[in-house]
Each structure stands twice: as C-alpha cells, then as structure tokens.
Amino acid sequence: MARAATTSDAFNAVAEPRRRDILNYLASEERAVGDIVVSLGMEQPSVSKHLGVLRRVGLVRVRRHGRQMFYRTNAEAIRPLHEWTKTFERLWQHQLNRVKERAEAKQKALDKI
C-alpha cells in the first residue's frame, strides 16, 4: 500500500523529524521564519517548505506583519495527535509500574538477606 502524501493529514506531516522540531520550537510562542532558521540551523527554503506542509494540514497558523511571516502552532489541530499518543502513554505507564513493582520486590528480597 502506498504511503499517503505528507500534506494529507497531521499524522503524515509530523512523520518528518524536522517538522516535529519546528512544531516543538513554535510550541512556546509565535516566531518569525528567520528565527526558526537560526534557532534550528536549517536553510530558509527548507524551513519554508516544512512550514507550508504544516500550514496545509492546519498544524500551524501564519500571520503577516509587513514583509515578515510569523508562525504559531494550532493547538486545536494538534489535539488528535495528542489524543492518539495518550493510548501509548497509558501503555508505557503500565509498563513502568510493572518495572517499579519488580524492582521493589527484588529490593525487599535483598533486604531480608
């Protein structure tokens, strides 16, 4: 089965690590394209391409101020990603609890020696 285009939905868009880096960088505040370029050490055309994909799937919003473009995350569009990953968060929490229980049981056994 062929993979869907990166612009078809948020899940495909964030499959690319550099786009996730951009989203992480934008999570705290709105940023100009130039700030993203400098902070992430990427070339401007690459940043613009990635921002275009993120914008088309709705993960970021853009605002023009004069000649500058400012981007920010769209929290509402990120919600489905967050909700999907919560499934795995519960799985990992369960696994971590099991590891903790085993470690505590082993420590109790060692304390009895």
N, C-alpha and C. Protein backbone atom coordinates (compact mmCIF):
# COMPACT_ATOMS: atom_id res chain seq x y z
N MET A 1 0.84 -1.18 0.00
CA MET A 1 0.00 0.00 0.00
C MET A 1 0.89 1.24 0.00
N ALA A 2 0.60 2.16 -0.87
CA ALA A 2 1.38 3.39 -0.96
C ALA A 2 1.10 4.29 0.23
N ARG A 3 2.14 4.98 0.65
CA ARG A 3 2.00 5.91 1.77
C ARG A 3 1.27 7.17 1.32
N ALA A 4 0.43 7.69 2.18
CA ALA A 4 -0.31 8.91 1.86
C ALA A 4 0.64 10.10 1.77
N ALA A 5 0.24 11.10 1.02
CA ALA A 5 1.05 12.31 0.88
C ALA A 5 1.20 13.00 2.23
N THR A 6 2.35 13.64 2.44
CA THR A 6 2.61 14.31 3.72
C THR A 6 1.63 15.44 3.98
N THR A 7 0.99 15.91 2.94
CA THR A 7 0.04 17.01 3.10
C THR A 7 -1.39 16.53 3.30
N SER A 8 -1.58 15.21 3.43
CA SER A 8 -2.94 14.71 3.53
C SER A 8 -3.51 14.80 4.94
N ASP A 9 -2.68 14.67 5.96
CA ASP A 9 -3.17 14.80 7.32
C ASP A 9 -2.03 15.08 8.29
N ALA A 10 -2.39 15.40 9.51
CA ALA A 10 -1.40 15.80 10.52
C ALA A 10 -0.43 14.67 10.83
N PHE A 11 -0.91 13.43 10.85
CA PHE A 11 -0.05 12.30 11.18
C PHE A 11 1.07 12.13 10.16
N ASN A 12 0.73 12.25 8.89
CA ASN A 12 1.76 12.16 7.85
C ASN A 12 2.71 13.35 7.91
N ALA A 13 2.18 14.51 8.21
CA ALA A 13 3.02 15.71 8.26
C ALA A 13 4.07 15.62 9.36
N VAL A 14 3.68 15.11 10.52
CA VAL A 14 4.64 15.05 11.64
C VAL A 14 5.53 13.82 11.58
N ALA A 15 5.37 13.00 10.56
CA ALA A 15 6.26 11.85 10.40
C ALA A 15 7.68 12.32 10.10
N GLU A 16 7.83 13.52 9.58
CA GLU A 16 9.14 14.06 9.24
C GLU A 16 9.75 14.73 10.48
N PRO A 17 10.93 14.29 10.92
CA PRO A 17 11.53 14.82 12.16
C PRO A 17 11.74 16.33 12.19
N ARG A 18 12.11 16.93 11.07
CA ARG A 18 12.35 18.37 11.07
C ARG A 18 11.05 19.14 11.31
N ARG A 19 9.93 18.60 10.83
CA ARG A 19 8.65 19.26 11.09
C ARG A 19 8.30 19.18 12.57
N ARG A 20 8.63 18.06 13.18
CA ARG A 20 8.40 17.94 14.63
C ARG A 20 9.29 18.94 15.37
N ASP A 21 10.52 19.12 14.91
CA ASP A 21 11.41 20.12 15.52
C ASP A 21 10.80 21.51 15.43
N ILE A 22 10.25 21.83 14.27
CA ILE A 22 9.63 23.14 14.08
C ILE A 22 8.43 23.30 15.00
N LEU A 23 7.58 22.28 15.08
CA LEU A 23 6.42 22.35 15.97
C LEU A 23 6.85 22.53 17.42
N ASN A 24 7.87 21.79 17.83
CA ASN A 24 8.38 21.95 19.21
C ASN A 24 8.86 23.38 19.44
N TYR A 25 9.56 23.93 18.47
CA TYR A 25 10.07 25.29 18.61
C TYR A 25 8.94 26.32 18.67
N LEU A 26 7.89 26.08 17.93
CA LEU A 26 6.77 27.01 17.91
C LEU A 26 5.81 26.83 19.08
N ALA A 27 5.97 25.77 19.83
CA ALA A 27 5.03 25.46 20.92
C ALA A 27 4.96 26.56 21.97
N SER A 28 6.06 27.22 22.23
CA SER A 28 6.07 28.21 23.31
C SER A 28 5.57 29.59 22.88
N GLU A 29 5.79 29.94 21.62
CA GLU A 29 5.35 31.26 21.16
C GLU A 29 5.42 31.38 19.65
N GLU A 30 4.78 32.41 19.14
CA GLU A 30 4.81 32.72 17.72
C GLU A 30 6.23 33.13 17.34
N ARG A 31 6.67 32.71 16.16
CA ARG A 31 8.05 33.02 15.73
C ARG A 31 8.07 33.40 14.25
N ALA A 32 9.03 34.25 13.93
CA ALA A 32 9.28 34.61 12.54
C ALA A 32 10.07 33.50 11.86
N VAL A 33 9.93 33.39 10.56
CA VAL A 33 10.63 32.36 9.80
C VAL A 33 12.14 32.45 10.06
N GLY A 34 12.67 33.67 10.06
CA GLY A 34 14.10 33.86 10.29
C GLY A 34 14.56 33.32 11.63
N ASP A 35 13.74 33.46 12.66
CA ASP A 35 14.07 32.92 13.98
C ASP A 35 14.14 31.39 13.94
N ILE A 36 13.23 30.79 13.20
CA ILE A 36 13.22 29.33 13.08
C ILE A 36 14.49 28.87 12.37
N VAL A 37 14.84 29.55 11.31
CA VAL A 37 16.04 29.22 10.53
C VAL A 37 17.28 29.24 11.43
N VAL A 38 17.44 30.33 12.16
CA VAL A 38 18.62 30.50 13.00
C VAL A 38 18.63 29.50 14.16
N SER A 39 17.53 29.40 14.85
CA SER A 39 17.48 28.55 16.04
C SER A 39 17.62 27.07 15.74
N LEU A 40 17.06 26.64 14.63
CA LEU A 40 17.12 25.21 14.30
C LEU A 40 18.26 24.86 13.35
N GLY A 41 18.96 25.88 12.87
CA GLY A 41 20.11 25.63 12.00
C GLY A 41 19.73 25.01 10.66
N MET A 42 18.59 25.41 10.15
CA MET A 42 18.11 24.89 8.87
C MET A 42 18.22 25.98 7.81
N GLU A 43 18.21 25.59 6.56
CA GLU A 43 18.20 26.54 5.46
C GLU A 43 16.79 27.13 5.33
N GLN A 44 16.72 28.40 4.94
CA GLN A 44 15.44 29.09 4.84
C GLN A 44 14.47 28.39 3.88
N PRO A 45 14.92 27.95 2.69
CA PRO A 45 13.97 27.28 1.80
C PRO A 45 13.39 26.00 2.41
N SER A 46 14.20 25.28 3.16
CA SER A 46 13.73 24.06 3.82
C SER A 46 12.69 24.37 4.89
N VAL A 47 12.96 25.41 5.69
CA VAL A 47 12.01 25.81 6.72
C VAL A 47 10.70 26.23 6.08
N SER A 48 10.77 27.01 5.01
CA SER A 48 9.55 27.46 4.33
C SER A 48 8.76 26.28 3.78
N LYS A 49 9.47 25.30 3.22
CA LYS A 49 8.79 24.10 2.68
C LYS A 49 8.07 23.36 3.80
N HIS A 50 8.76 23.13 4.91
CA HIS A 50 8.16 22.41 6.03
C HIS A 50 6.99 23.19 6.63
N LEU A 51 7.14 24.50 6.75
CA LEU A 51 6.04 25.32 7.27
C LEU A 51 4.84 25.27 6.34
N GLY A 52 5.09 25.20 5.05
CA GLY A 52 4.00 25.09 4.08
C GLY A 52 3.19 23.81 4.29
N VAL A 53 3.90 22.71 4.52
CA VAL A 53 3.21 21.44 4.77
C VAL A 53 2.42 21.53 6.07
N LEU A 54 3.05 22.04 7.12
CA LEU A 54 2.36 22.16 8.41
C LEU A 54 1.15 23.08 8.32
N ARG A 55 1.27 24.12 7.52
CA ARG A 55 0.14 25.05 7.33
C ARG A 55 -1.00 24.38 6.57
N ARG A 56 -0.67 23.63 5.50
CA ARG A 56 -1.71 22.98 4.69
C ARG A 56 -2.52 21.96 5.49
N VAL A 57 -1.90 21.30 6.44
CA VAL A 57 -2.66 20.33 7.25
C VAL A 57 -3.24 20.98 8.50
N GLY A 58 -2.97 22.27 8.68
CA GLY A 58 -3.59 23.03 9.77
C GLY A 58 -2.86 23.01 11.09
N LEU A 59 -1.64 22.46 11.15
CA LEU A 59 -0.92 22.39 12.43
C LEU A 59 -0.31 23.71 12.85
N VAL A 60 -0.11 24.61 11.89
CA VAL A 60 0.39 25.95 12.23
C VAL A 60 -0.49 26.99 11.55
N ARG A 61 -0.47 28.16 12.14
CA ARG A 61 -1.16 29.32 11.56
C ARG A 61 -0.11 30.37 11.25
N VAL A 62 -0.40 31.17 10.27
CA VAL A 62 0.56 32.20 9.84
C VAL A 62 -0.09 33.56 9.93
N ARG A 63 0.75 34.54 10.28
CA ARG A 63 0.32 35.93 10.34
C ARG A 63 1.40 36.77 9.66
N ARG A 64 0.97 37.64 8.77
CA ARG A 64 1.91 38.52 8.08
C ARG A 64 1.97 39.85 8.82
N HIS A 65 3.18 40.33 9.01
CA HIS A 65 3.39 41.66 9.58
C HIS A 65 4.44 42.33 8.71
N GLY A 66 3.98 43.20 7.84
CA GLY A 66 4.89 43.80 6.87
C GLY A 66 5.39 42.71 5.93
N ARG A 67 6.71 42.60 5.83
CA ARG A 67 7.29 41.57 4.97
C ARG A 67 7.54 40.27 5.70
N GLN A 68 7.41 40.28 7.01
CA GLN A 68 7.69 39.07 7.79
C GLN A 68 6.46 38.21 7.97
N MET A 69 6.72 36.91 8.01
CA MET A 69 5.67 35.92 8.27
C MET A 69 5.95 35.34 9.65
N PHE A 70 4.92 35.31 10.48
CA PHE A 70 5.02 34.76 11.83
C PHE A 70 4.15 33.51 11.92
N TYR A 71 4.72 32.46 12.50
CA TYR A 71 4.02 31.19 12.62
C TYR A 71 3.82 30.84 14.08
N ARG A 72 2.71 30.14 14.32
CA ARG A 72 2.42 29.62 15.66
C ARG A 72 1.69 28.30 15.50
N THR A 73 1.74 27.48 16.53
CA THR A 73 1.05 26.20 16.45
C THR A 73 -0.45 26.42 16.57
N ASN A 74 -1.19 25.50 16.02
CA ASN A 74 -2.64 25.49 16.11
C ASN A 74 -3.00 24.35 17.06
N ALA A 75 -3.18 24.69 18.32
CA ALA A 75 -3.40 23.67 19.35
C ALA A 75 -4.59 22.78 19.05
N GLU A 76 -5.62 23.34 18.49
CA GLU A 76 -6.82 22.54 18.20
C GLU A 76 -6.52 21.45 17.16
N ALA A 77 -5.69 21.78 16.17
CA ALA A 77 -5.35 20.79 15.15
C ALA A 77 -4.40 19.73 15.68
N ILE A 78 -3.65 20.07 16.72
CA ILE A 78 -2.71 19.11 17.32
C ILE A 78 -3.43 18.14 18.25
N ARG A 79 -4.62 18.48 18.69
CA ARG A 79 -5.37 17.65 19.64
C ARG A 79 -5.49 16.18 19.19
N PRO A 80 -5.83 15.88 17.93
CA PRO A 80 -5.93 14.46 17.55
C PRO A 80 -4.62 13.70 17.73
N LEU A 81 -3.50 14.38 17.48
CA LEU A 81 -2.20 13.74 17.69
C LEU A 81 -2.01 13.43 19.17
N HIS A 82 -2.35 14.38 20.00
CA HIS A 82 -2.21 14.22 21.44
C HIS A 82 -3.10 13.09 21.94
N GLU A 83 -4.33 13.07 21.51
CA GLU A 83 -5.26 12.04 21.96
C GLU A 83 -4.80 10.65 21.53
N TRP A 84 -4.25 10.54 20.33
CA TRP A 84 -3.78 9.25 19.85
C TRP A 84 -2.57 8.78 20.67
N THR A 85 -1.66 9.69 20.98
CA THR A 85 -0.47 9.28 21.74
C THR A 85 -0.81 8.95 23.19
N LYS A 86 -1.93 9.43 23.71
CA LYS A 86 -2.33 9.11 25.08
C LYS A 86 -2.53 7.60 25.25
N THR A 87 -2.94 6.92 24.19
CA THR A 87 -3.09 5.47 24.24
C THR A 87 -1.76 4.83 24.61
N PHE A 88 -0.70 5.30 24.02
CA PHE A 88 0.62 4.73 24.27
C PHE A 88 1.19 5.20 25.60
N GLU A 89 0.79 6.37 26.02
CA GLU A 89 1.20 6.87 27.34
C GLU A 89 0.69 5.92 28.42
N ARG A 90 -0.56 5.51 28.30
CA ARG A 90 -1.12 4.57 29.28
C ARG A 90 -0.37 3.25 29.24
N LEU A 91 -0.04 2.78 28.04
CA LEU A 91 0.71 1.54 27.90
C LEU A 91 2.06 1.64 28.60
N TRP A 92 2.78 2.72 28.34
CA TRP A 92 4.10 2.90 28.95
C TRP A 92 4.00 3.08 30.46
N GLN A 93 2.99 3.76 30.91
CA GLN A 93 2.81 3.93 32.36
C GLN A 93 2.60 2.58 33.01
N HIS A 94 1.81 1.73 32.40
CA HIS A 94 1.58 0.38 32.91
C HIS A 94 2.90 -0.39 32.95
N GLN A 95 3.68 -0.30 31.89
CA GLN A 95 4.96 -0.99 31.84
C GLN A 95 5.91 -0.47 32.91
N LEU A 96 5.95 0.84 33.10
CA LEU A 96 6.82 1.42 34.12
C LEU A 96 6.40 1.01 35.52
N ASN A 97 5.09 0.93 35.75
CA ASN A 97 4.60 0.47 37.05
C ASN A 97 5.03 -0.97 37.31
N ARG A 98 4.98 -1.81 36.29
CA ARG A 98 5.42 -3.20 36.45
C ARG A 98 6.91 -3.28 36.76
N VAL A 99 7.72 -2.48 36.10
CA VAL A 99 9.16 -2.45 36.37
C VAL A 99 9.41 -2.00 37.80
N LYS A 100 8.69 -0.97 38.23
CA LYS A 100 8.84 -0.46 39.59
C LYS A 100 8.47 -1.54 40.61
N GLU A 101 7.36 -2.22 40.39
CA GLU A 101 6.94 -3.29 41.31
C GLU A 101 7.98 -4.39 41.41
N ARG A 102 8.53 -4.79 40.28
CA ARG A 102 9.58 -5.83 40.28
C ARG A 102 10.82 -5.36 41.03
N ALA A 103 11.21 -4.12 40.79
CA ALA A 103 12.39 -3.59 41.46
C ALA A 103 12.18 -3.52 42.97
N GLU A 104 10.99 -3.09 43.38
CA GLU A 104 10.70 -3.01 44.81
C GLU A 104 10.66 -4.40 45.44
N ALA A 105 10.10 -5.38 44.74
CA ALA A 105 10.05 -6.75 45.25
C ALA A 105 11.46 -7.31 45.38
N LYS A 106 12.29 -7.03 44.40
CA LYS A 106 13.68 -7.51 44.44
C LYS A 106 14.43 -6.85 45.59
N GLN A 107 14.19 -5.56 45.79
CA GLN A 107 14.85 -4.85 46.89
C GLN A 107 14.41 -5.42 48.24
N LYS A 108 13.14 -5.73 48.41
CA LYS A 108 12.64 -6.33 49.65
C LYS A 108 13.30 -7.66 49.89
N ALA A 109 13.45 -8.46 48.83
CA ALA A 109 14.09 -9.77 48.96
C ALA A 109 15.54 -9.60 49.37
N LEU A 110 16.22 -8.61 48.83
CA LEU A 110 17.62 -8.37 49.18
C LEU A 110 17.74 -7.85 50.62
N ASP A 111 16.77 -7.07 51.05
CA ASP A 111 16.79 -6.53 52.41
C ASP A 111 16.64 -7.64 53.45
N LYS A 112 15.97 -8.74 53.08
CA LYS A 112 15.77 -9.85 54.01
C LYS A 112 17.05 -10.68 54.18
N ILE A 113 17.96 -10.55 53.26
CA ILE A 113 19.21 -11.34 53.32
C ILE A 113 20.17 -10.77 54.33
